[in-house]
């Protein structure tokens, strides 16, 4: 594995901080959180619609 020791994780975090900067990291994390929240709500909506469609599968006249 790549990240076996804690020092590897610390080095990785320092490299990420240097590449993206301290200003952009919170903004990136915030936008990632918003995207994940939207994705989860869309997935929940799809599953509820799917269950609703399965319940309405009675034959119509």
Foldseek 3Di string as FASTA:
>chain_A
DQCPDPVSVVVVVVVVCVVQHPVCVVVVVVVVVVVVVVVVVVVVVVVVVVVVVVVPPDDDD
